[in-house]
Each structure stands twice: as structure tokens, then as C-alpha cells.
Amino acid sequence: MSYEGVLEQIKHKKGKKEKFEKNNSPKERDYGKAKKECRRCGRTGRGVISQYGLNYCRQCFREIAEEIGFEQLK
């Protein structure tokens, strides 16, 4: 379950919510694969194309490559 999902479940339990936020909040990354994120869908990890400052995952890149000026090789 996601962090936001758990927060939604315990929003009425003040003590549990404070403890959960203190110990389980996602930390900001300085490096690694979780640092890169697709600017279109938010996907992280493998497959994020950051070359030329694109920052799109491979799936989004395939969908919009022609729109942003890339040509398909034949």
C-alpha cells in the first residue's frame, strides 16, 4: 500500500498518524535510480531517459517522440 493510502486510513488516529509520519515518510533522494522521475507520468527507476534533458520514461518517450522532433529509423 502506498504512503498516501496508509495516511488516508489513519487520518482520524492522531497518535498513530504522527508516529507513522515521523518514521515512514519517504525521504528525498540525492542520487540513485529513485532520483530520476518521468516528467509526464512520474514513473521512477529504470528506463528514464535523461539524456538531452528529456526526463521521460521509455514508454512515454515512444508515445511522444515524433511530436518532439525525433524521427523513426527504418
PDB file of N, CA and C in Angstrom:
ATOM      1  N   MET A   1       0.847  -1.169   0.000  1.00  0.00           N
ATOM      2  CA  MET A   1       0.000   0.000   0.000  1.00  0.00           C
ATOM      3  C   MET A   1       0.898   1.240   0.000  1.00  0.00           C
ATOM      4  N   SER A   2       0.463   2.272  -0.646  1.00  0.00           N
ATOM      5  CA  SER A   2       1.272   3.479  -0.762  1.00  0.00           C
ATOM      6  C   SER A   2       1.239   4.292   0.537  1.00  0.00           C
ATOM      7  N   TYR A   3       2.186   5.178   0.637  1.00  0.00           N
ATOM      8  CA  TYR A   3       2.278   6.065   1.805  1.00  0.00           C
ATOM      9  C   TYR A   3       1.003   6.881   1.973  1.00  0.00           C
ATOM     10  N   GLU A   4       0.508   7.442   0.864  1.00  0.00           N
ATOM     11  CA  GLU A   4      -0.708   8.247   0.920  1.00  0.00           C
ATOM     12  C   GLU A   4      -1.917   7.418   1.315  1.00  0.00           C
ATOM     13  N   GLY A   5      -1.960   6.164   0.861  1.00  0.00           N
ATOM     14  CA  GLY A   5      -3.070   5.279   1.201  1.00  0.00           C
ATOM     15  C   GLY A   5      -3.145   4.991   2.684  1.00  0.00           C
ATOM     16  N   VAL A   6      -1.988   4.753   3.296  1.00  0.00           N
ATOM     17  CA  VAL A   6      -1.969   4.488   4.732  1.00  0.00           C
ATOM     18  C   VAL A   6      -2.358   5.748   5.499  1.00  0.00           C
ATOM     19  N   LEU A   7      -1.862   6.894   5.065  1.00  0.00           N
ATOM     20  CA  LEU A   7      -2.238   8.145   5.733  1.00  0.00           C
ATOM     21  C   LEU A   7      -3.750   8.364   5.686  1.00  0.00           C
ATOM     22  N   GLU A   8      -4.363   8.012   4.578  1.00  0.00           N
ATOM     23  CA  GLU A   8      -5.813   8.159   4.447  1.00  0.00           C
ATOM     24  C   GLU A   8      -6.535   7.262   5.459  1.00  0.00           C
ATOM     25  N   GLN A   9      -6.007   6.066   5.692  1.00  0.00           N
ATOM     26  CA  GLN A   9      -6.659   5.144   6.617  1.00  0.00           C
ATOM     27  C   GLN A   9      -6.533   5.582   8.070  1.00  0.00           C
ATOM     28  N   ILE A  10      -5.402   6.193   8.418  1.00  0.00           N
ATOM     29  CA  ILE A  10      -5.177   6.542   9.825  1.00  0.00           C
ATOM     30  C   ILE A  10      -5.350   8.037  10.103  1.00  0.00           C
ATOM     31  N   LYS A  11      -6.024   8.756   9.226  1.00  0.00           N
ATOM     32  CA  LYS A  11      -6.137  10.209   9.376  1.00  0.00           C
ATOM     33  C   LYS A  11      -6.890  10.613  10.640  1.00  0.00           C
ATOM     34  N   HIS A  12      -7.748   9.756  11.178  1.00  0.00           N
ATOM     35  CA  HIS A  12      -8.520  10.089  12.369  1.00  0.00           C
ATOM     36  C   HIS A  12      -7.828   9.645  13.655  1.00  0.00           C
ATOM     37  N   LYS A  13      -6.727   8.931  13.533  1.00  0.00           N
ATOM     38  CA  LYS A  13      -5.992   8.444  14.706  1.00  0.00           C
ATOM     39  C   LYS A  13      -4.731   9.287  14.863  1.00  0.00           C
ATOM     40  N   LYS A  14      -4.820  10.321  15.696  1.00  0.00           N
ATOM     41  CA  LYS A  14      -3.774  11.330  15.787  1.00  0.00           C
ATOM     42  C   LYS A  14      -2.408  10.745  16.175  1.00  0.00           C
ATOM     43  N   GLY A  15      -2.365   9.947  17.208  1.00  0.00           N
ATOM     44  CA  GLY A  15      -1.102   9.378  17.680  1.00  0.00           C
ATOM     45  C   GLY A  15      -0.438   8.483  16.644  1.00  0.00           C
ATOM     46  N   LYS A  16      -1.227   7.601  16.049  1.00  0.00           N
ATOM     47  CA  LYS A  16      -0.693   6.699  15.025  1.00  0.00           C
ATOM     48  C   LYS A  16      -0.198   7.472  13.809  1.00  0.00           C
ATOM     49  N   LYS A  17      -0.947   8.509  13.433  1.00  0.00           N
ATOM     50  CA  LYS A  17      -0.577   9.303  12.268  1.00  0.00           C
ATOM     51  C   LYS A  17       0.751  10.021  12.494  1.00  0.00           C
ATOM     52  N   GLU A  18       0.930  10.642  13.660  1.00  0.00           N
ATOM     53  CA  GLU A  18       2.178  11.335  13.961  1.00  0.00           C
ATOM     54  C   GLU A  18       3.362  10.378  13.947  1.00  0.00           C
ATOM     55  N   LYS A  19       3.182   9.210  14.557  1.00  0.00           N
ATOM     56  CA  LYS A  19       4.261   8.219  14.605  1.00  0.00           C
ATOM     57  C   LYS A  19       4.576   7.690  13.205  1.00  0.00           C
ATOM     58  N   PHE A  20       3.549   7.447  12.413  1.00  0.00           N
ATOM     59  CA  PHE A  20       3.746   6.944  11.053  1.00  0.00           C
ATOM     60  C   PHE A  20       4.485   7.975  10.196  1.00  0.00           C
ATOM     61  N   GLU A  21       4.071   9.251  10.293  1.00  0.00           N
ATOM     62  CA  GLU A  21       4.728  10.293   9.504  1.00  0.00           C
ATOM     63  C   GLU A  21       6.186  10.468   9.911  1.00  0.00           C
ATOM     64  N   LYS A  22       6.479  10.343  11.201  1.00  0.00           N
ATOM     65  CA  LYS A  22       7.850  10.513  11.679  1.00  0.00           C
ATOM     66  C   LYS A  22       8.759   9.388  11.182  1.00  0.00           C
ATOM     67  N   ASN A  23       8.269   8.167  11.230  1.00  0.00           N
ATOM     68  CA  ASN A  23       9.131   7.022  10.941  1.00  0.00           C
ATOM     69  C   ASN A  23       9.048   6.491   9.516  1.00  0.00           C
ATOM     70  N   ASN A  24       7.991   6.799   8.770  1.00  0.00           N
ATOM     71  CA  ASN A  24       7.794   6.167   7.472  1.00  0.00           C
ATOM     72  C   ASN A  24       7.693   7.129   6.301  1.00  0.00           C
ATOM     73  N   SER A  25       7.942   8.399   6.526  1.00  0.00           N
ATOM     74  CA  SER A  25       7.817   9.345   5.415  1.00  0.00           C
ATOM     75  C   SER A  25       8.914   9.070   4.387  1.00  0.00           C
ATOM     76  N   PRO A  26       8.579   9.164   3.100  1.00  0.00           N
ATOM     77  CA  PRO A  26       9.589   8.909   2.075  1.00  0.00           C
ATOM     78  C   PRO A  26      10.653   9.987   2.109  1.00  0.00           C
ATOM     79  N   LYS A  27      11.913   9.581   2.003  1.00  0.00           N
ATOM     80  CA  LYS A  27      12.985  10.565   2.079  1.00  0.00           C
ATOM     81  C   LYS A  27      13.358  11.074   0.693  1.00  0.00           C
ATOM     82  N   GLU A  28      13.837  12.289   0.669  1.00  0.00           N
ATOM     83  CA  GLU A  28      14.303  12.877  -0.587  1.00  0.00           C
ATOM     84  C   GLU A  28      15.607  12.208  -0.984  1.00  0.00           C
ATOM     85  N   ARG A  29      15.724  11.867  -2.238  1.00  0.00           N
ATOM     86  CA  ARG A  29      16.903  11.174  -2.737  1.00  0.00           C
ATOM     87  C   ARG A  29      17.900  12.160  -3.318  1.00  0.00           C
ATOM     88  N   ASP A  30      19.187  11.913  -3.093  1.00  0.00           N
ATOM     89  CA  ASP A  30      20.241  12.746  -3.658  1.00  0.00           C
ATOM     90  C   ASP A  30      20.877  12.089  -4.877  1.00  0.00           C
ATOM     91  N   TYR A  31      20.763  10.776  -4.971  1.00  0.00           N
ATOM     92  CA  TYR A  31      21.352  10.042  -6.082  1.00  0.00           C
ATOM     93  C   TYR A  31      20.654   8.698  -6.194  1.00  0.00           C
ATOM     94  N   GLY A  32      20.915   7.974  -7.262  1.00  0.00           N
ATOM     95  CA  GLY A  32      20.331   6.656  -7.449  1.00  0.00           C
ATOM     96  C   GLY A  32      19.165   6.676  -8.416  1.00  0.00           C
ATOM     97  N   LYS A  33      18.630   5.493  -8.687  1.00  0.00           N
ATOM     98  CA  LYS A  33      17.586   5.394  -9.695  1.00  0.00           C
ATOM     99  C   LYS A  33      16.262   6.008  -9.252  1.00  0.00           C
ATOM    100  N   ALA A  34      16.035   6.154  -7.958  1.00  0.00           N
ATOM    101  CA  ALA A  34      14.798   6.761  -7.487  1.00  0.00           C
ATOM    102  C   ALA A  34      14.830   8.288  -7.592  1.00  0.00           C
ATOM    103  N   LYS A  35      15.982   8.848  -7.870  1.00  0.00           N
ATOM    104  CA  LYS A  35      16.097  10.297  -8.015  1.00  0.00           C
ATOM    105  C   LYS A  35      15.508  10.761  -9.342  1.00  0.00           C
ATOM    106  N   LYS A  36      15.708   9.965 -10.403  1.00  0.00           N
ATOM    107  CA  LYS A  36      15.190  10.332 -11.723  1.00  0.00           C
ATOM    108  C   LYS A  36      13.711   9.977 -11.807  1.00  0.00           C
ATOM    109  N   GLU A  37      12.939  10.875 -12.389  1.00  0.00           N
ATOM    110  CA  GLU A  37      11.494  10.674 -12.476  1.00  0.00           C
ATOM    111  C   GLU A  37      10.999  11.186 -13.826  1.00  0.00           C
ATOM    112  N   CYS A  38      10.070  10.451 -14.425  1.00  0.00           N
ATOM    113  CA  CYS A  38       9.480  10.867 -15.692  1.00  0.00           C
ATOM    114  C   CYS A  38       8.645  12.119 -15.469  1.00  0.00           C
ATOM    115  N   ARG A  39       8.846  13.118 -16.331  1.00  0.00           N
ATOM    116  CA  ARG A  39       8.108  14.375 -16.158  1.00  0.00           C
ATOM    117  C   ARG A  39       6.665  14.264 -16.632  1.00  0.00           C
ATOM    118  N   ARG A  40       6.332  13.194 -17.334  1.00  0.00           N
ATOM    119  CA  ARG A  40       4.976  13.035 -17.869  1.00  0.00           C
ATOM    120  C   ARG A  40       4.103  12.179 -16.964  1.00  0.00           C
ATOM    121  N   CYS A  41       4.619  11.009 -16.568  1.00  0.00           N
ATOM    122  CA  CYS A  41       3.784  10.093 -15.774  1.00  0.00           C
ATOM    123  C   CYS A  41       4.278   9.907 -14.339  1.00  0.00           C
ATOM    124  N   GLY A  42       5.499  10.354 -14.031  1.00  0.00           N
ATOM    125  CA  GLY A  42       6.014  10.240 -12.672  1.00  0.00           C
ATOM    126  C   GLY A  42       6.687   8.930 -12.350  1.00  0.00           C
ATOM    127  N   ARG A  43       6.855   8.059 -13.321  1.00  0.00           N
ATOM    128  CA  ARG A  43       7.491   6.764 -13.116  1.00  0.00           C
ATOM    129  C   ARG A  43       8.962   6.969 -12.735  1.00  0.00           C
ATOM    130  N   THR A  44       9.461   6.187 -11.805  1.00  0.00           N
ATOM    131  CA  THR A  44      10.864   6.282 -11.399  1.00  0.00           C
ATOM    132  C   THR A  44      11.577   4.978 -11.728  1.00  0.00           C
ATOM    133  N   GLY A  45      12.870   4.972 -11.504  1.00  0.00           N
ATOM    134  CA  GLY A  45      13.645   3.752 -11.675  1.00  0.00           C
ATOM    135  C   GLY A  45      14.192   3.601 -13.066  1.00  0.00           C
ATOM    136  N   ARG A  46      14.269   2.366 -13.510  1.00  0.00           N
ATOM    137  CA  ARG A  46      14.879   2.064 -14.798  1.00  0.00           C
ATOM    138  C   ARG A  46      14.056   2.619 -15.938  1.00  0.00           C
ATOM    139  N   GLY A  47      14.731   2.947 -17.016  1.00  0.00           N
ATOM    140  CA  GLY A  47      14.030   3.337 -18.221  1.00  0.00           C
ATOM    141  C   GLY A  47      13.726   4.807 -18.340  1.00  0.00           C
ATOM    142  N   VAL A  48      14.277   5.649 -17.456  1.00  0.00           N
ATOM    143  CA  VAL A  48      14.066   7.087 -17.580  1.00  0.00           C
ATOM    144  C   VAL A  48      15.183   7.647 -18.445  1.00  0.00           C
ATOM    145  N   ILE A  49      14.815   8.274 -19.559  1.00  0.00           N
ATOM    146  CA  ILE A  49      15.775   8.822 -20.497  1.00  0.00           C
ATOM    147  C   ILE A  49      16.057  10.262 -20.092  1.00  0.00           C
ATOM    148  N   SER A  50      17.252  10.494 -19.539  1.00  0.00           N
ATOM    149  CA  SER A  50      17.576  11.833 -19.066  1.00  0.00           C
ATOM    150  C   SER A  50      18.542  12.548 -20.009  1.00  0.00           C
ATOM    151  N   GLN A  51      18.966  11.861 -21.042  1.00  0.00           N
ATOM    152  CA  GLN A  51      19.886  12.461 -22.000  1.00  0.00           C
ATOM    153  C   GLN A  51      19.216  13.651 -22.687  1.00  0.00           C
ATOM    154  N   TYR A  52      19.958  14.693 -22.916  1.00  0.00           N
ATOM    155  CA  TYR A  52      19.474  15.945 -23.518  1.00  0.00           C
ATOM    156  C   TYR A  52      18.415  16.631 -22.669  1.00  0.00           C
ATOM    157  N   GLY A  53      18.335  16.262 -21.402  1.00  0.00           N
ATOM    158  CA  GLY A  53      17.355  16.889 -20.514  1.00  0.00           C
ATOM    159  C   GLY A  53      15.918  16.476 -20.777  1.00  0.00           C
ATOM    160  N   LEU A  54      15.714  15.303 -21.393  1.00  0.00           N
ATOM    161  CA  LEU A  54      14.357  14.865 -21.725  1.00  0.00           C
ATOM    162  C   LEU A  54      13.556  14.487 -20.483  1.00  0.00           C
ATOM    163  N   ASN A  55      14.126  13.606 -19.645  1.00  0.00           N
ATOM    164  CA  ASN A  55      13.473  13.128 -18.424  1.00  0.00           C
ATOM    165  C   ASN A  55      12.097  12.520 -18.681  1.00  0.00           C
ATOM    166  N   TYR A  56      12.021  11.649 -19.683  1.00  0.00           N
ATOM    167  CA  TYR A  56      10.816  10.864 -19.967  1.00  0.00           C
ATOM    168  C   TYR A  56      11.151   9.395 -19.779  1.00  0.00           C
ATOM    169  N   CYS A  57      10.193   8.601 -19.307  1.00  0.00           N
ATOM    170  CA  CYS A  57      10.406   7.161 -19.252  1.00  0.00           C
ATOM    171  C   CYS A  57      10.317   6.627 -20.680  1.00  0.00           C
ATOM    172  N   ARG A  58      10.781   5.430 -20.879  1.00  0.00           N
ATOM    173  CA  ARG A  58      10.857   4.897 -22.243  1.00  0.00           C
ATOM    174  C   ARG A  58       9.475   4.742 -22.867  1.00  0.00           C
ATOM    175  N   GLN A  59       8.452   4.442 -22.065  1.00  0.00           N
ATOM    176  CA  GLN A  59       7.110   4.282 -22.595  1.00  0.00           C
ATOM    177  C   GLN A  59       6.549   5.619 -23.083  1.00  0.00           C
ATOM    178  N   CYS A  60       6.709   6.654 -22.272  1.00  0.00           N
ATOM    179  CA  CYS A  60       6.220   7.982 -22.663  1.00  0.00           C
ATOM    180  C   CYS A  60       7.013   8.507 -23.854  1.00  0.00           C
ATOM    181  N   PHE A  61       8.316   8.236 -23.863  1.00  0.00           N
ATOM    182  CA  PHE A  61       9.136   8.713 -24.973  1.00  0.00           C
ATOM    183  C   PHE A  61       8.660   8.123 -26.293  1.00  0.00           C
ATOM    184  N   ARG A  62       8.331   6.843 -26.301  1.00  0.00           N
ATOM    185  CA  ARG A  62       7.854   6.214 -27.538  1.00  0.00           C
ATOM    186  C   ARG A  62       6.553   6.849 -28.023  1.00  0.00           C
ATOM    187  N   GLU A  63       5.700   7.250 -27.094  1.00  0.00           N
ATOM    188  CA  GLU A  63       4.422   7.843 -27.470  1.00  0.00           C
ATOM    189  C   GLU A  63       4.570   9.249 -28.052  1.00  0.00           C
ATOM    190  N   ILE A  64       5.527  10.024 -27.559  1.00  0.00           N
ATOM    191  CA  ILE A  64       5.606  11.422 -27.970  1.00  0.00           C
ATOM    192  C   ILE A  64       6.862  11.770 -28.757  1.00  0.00           C
ATOM    193  N   ALA A  65       7.646  10.773 -29.162  1.00  0.00           N
ATOM    194  CA  ALA A  65       8.927  11.037 -29.827  1.00  0.00           C
ATOM    195  C   ALA A  65       8.749  11.860 -31.102  1.00  0.00           C
ATOM    196  N   GLU A  66       7.795  11.528 -31.927  1.00  0.00           N
ATOM    197  CA  GLU A  66       7.610  12.263 -33.173  1.00  0.00           C
ATOM    198  C   GLU A  66       7.122  13.689 -32.917  1.00  0.00           C
ATOM    199  N   GLU A  67       6.336  13.894 -31.873  1.00  0.00           N
ATOM    200  CA  GLU A  67       5.835  15.225 -31.544  1.00  0.00           C
ATOM    201  C   GLU A  67       6.965  16.180 -31.151  1.00  0.00           C
ATOM    202  N   ILE A  68       7.986  15.636 -30.478  1.00  0.00           N
ATOM    203  CA  ILE A  68       9.072  16.493 -30.019  1.00  0.00           C
ATOM    204  C   ILE A  68      10.236  16.536 -30.993  1.00  0.00           C
ATOM    205  N   GLY A  69      10.089  15.922 -32.175  1.00  0.00           N
ATOM    206  CA  GLY A  69      11.059  16.092 -33.239  1.00  0.00           C
ATOM    207  C   GLY A  69      11.976  14.925 -33.541  1.00  0.00           C
ATOM    208  N   PHE A  70      11.765  13.775 -32.948  1.00  0.00           N
ATOM    209  CA  PHE A  70      12.589  12.610 -33.252  1.00  0.00           C
ATOM    210  C   PHE A  70      11.962  11.849 -34.422  1.00  0.00           C
ATOM    211  N   GLU A  71      12.803  11.286 -35.267  1.00  0.00           N
ATOM    212  CA  GLU A  71      12.328  10.508 -36.400  1.00  0.00           C
ATOM    213  C   GLU A  71      12.629   9.032 -36.202  1.00  0.00           C
ATOM    214  N   GLN A  72      11.738   8.183 -36.661  1.00  0.00           N
ATOM    215  CA  GLN A  72      11.924   6.750 -36.512  1.00  0.00           C
ATOM    216  C   GLN A  72      12.855   6.247 -37.614  1.00  0.00           C
ATOM    217  N   LEU A  73      13.866   5.437 -37.229  1.00  0.00           N
ATOM    218  CA  LEU A  73      14.779   4.875 -38.216  1.00  0.00           C
ATOM    219  C   LEU A  73      14.115   3.730 -38.929  1.00  0.00           C
ATOM    220  N   LYS A  74      14.440   3.581 -40.216  1.00  0.00           N
ATOM    221  CA  LYS A  74      13.844   2.490 -40.983  1.00  0.00           C
ATOM    222  C   LYS A  74      14.880   1.502 -41.414  1.00  0.00           C
TER     223      LYS A  74
END
